[in-house]
């Protein structure tokens, strides 16, 4: 897994400048994201929670439980939505083991501690890594029957090229009959989408700018937060919500640990996140291009959101 210093410096030397959204998630970033998911503007979590609660039985009807199934979750976070699936499986006396994977060790520790209290005896094995590195782990390469969860519209954080490559590699790692359940945020009113990434309370702003605080602490950078602002936008043609950090003045930032100074012009942007939105045709095309069979789309009633089950 690439180091934060190597990745950040490389991204800031590009034109346009970028920092990967993977680095949002330190301890404070984890907490801020939990707060974002509770915001009235952030419809994604509530919509997916509703889908999983409504369709848990239908989702698992595609799997046999003659042996314990592995549930592998990429980007597990706090596991709030996944508990809906655990509750269904426990009520049906289905045996399973849970493998949460996340870039944040803090999030994994909190999740595992909470689940051990809520579900005594649950088999859990946490893995700290990123999505692509996870594909090389023995747990995904095992012969055990598995369902991979890729919830929270995390697929939207991958550009089209990376998404195709990721799902091709995931397909190669899985065995026939294995499945992947993917959360897709649907295309809708651009104002509804943009509000989810620019809430009135400013929590998303704090989440974005906390990235600079983390770089100051871990890389010895000297970002002055007063000289930066959160700038989101929605690109209709790309069907993508985009987040940036904007320099409000001409300035230079020194990364002491990397012995590197980066210059920023007034108004220059650092691209921090993409959140792509999908229609049903996009979902079908992505499955087809990467070797999967689309088994079923489970839709929120509005529709705001779709959890799509693909089979290897």
Foldseek 3Di string as FASTA:
>chain_A
DDDQVVQQVVQLPDVQHAHELLLLDEPVLLVLVVVLCPDPLQCFVVLLLVLCLVCLVVQCVLDDQPDAAEEEEAACRQVPSVVSNVVVCVVVVGHYAYEYEGQYPVRVVNNVVVCCVVPPPHHYDYYHDHQQVVLPDVVLQDPGAYEYEAEPLVLQQDAPVRSLVSLLSSVVSHDFSHKYKYKAFAQDPQVSVQCSCCPPVCSNFCSVLVSVVVQCVPQVKDDDSVQKTWDWDADPVQQKIWIKIFGQAWDWMARVNVRDIRTDHHGRIYTYTIRHHHDPVRVCVSCVSNPWDFPDWRARVVGRMIITMTGD
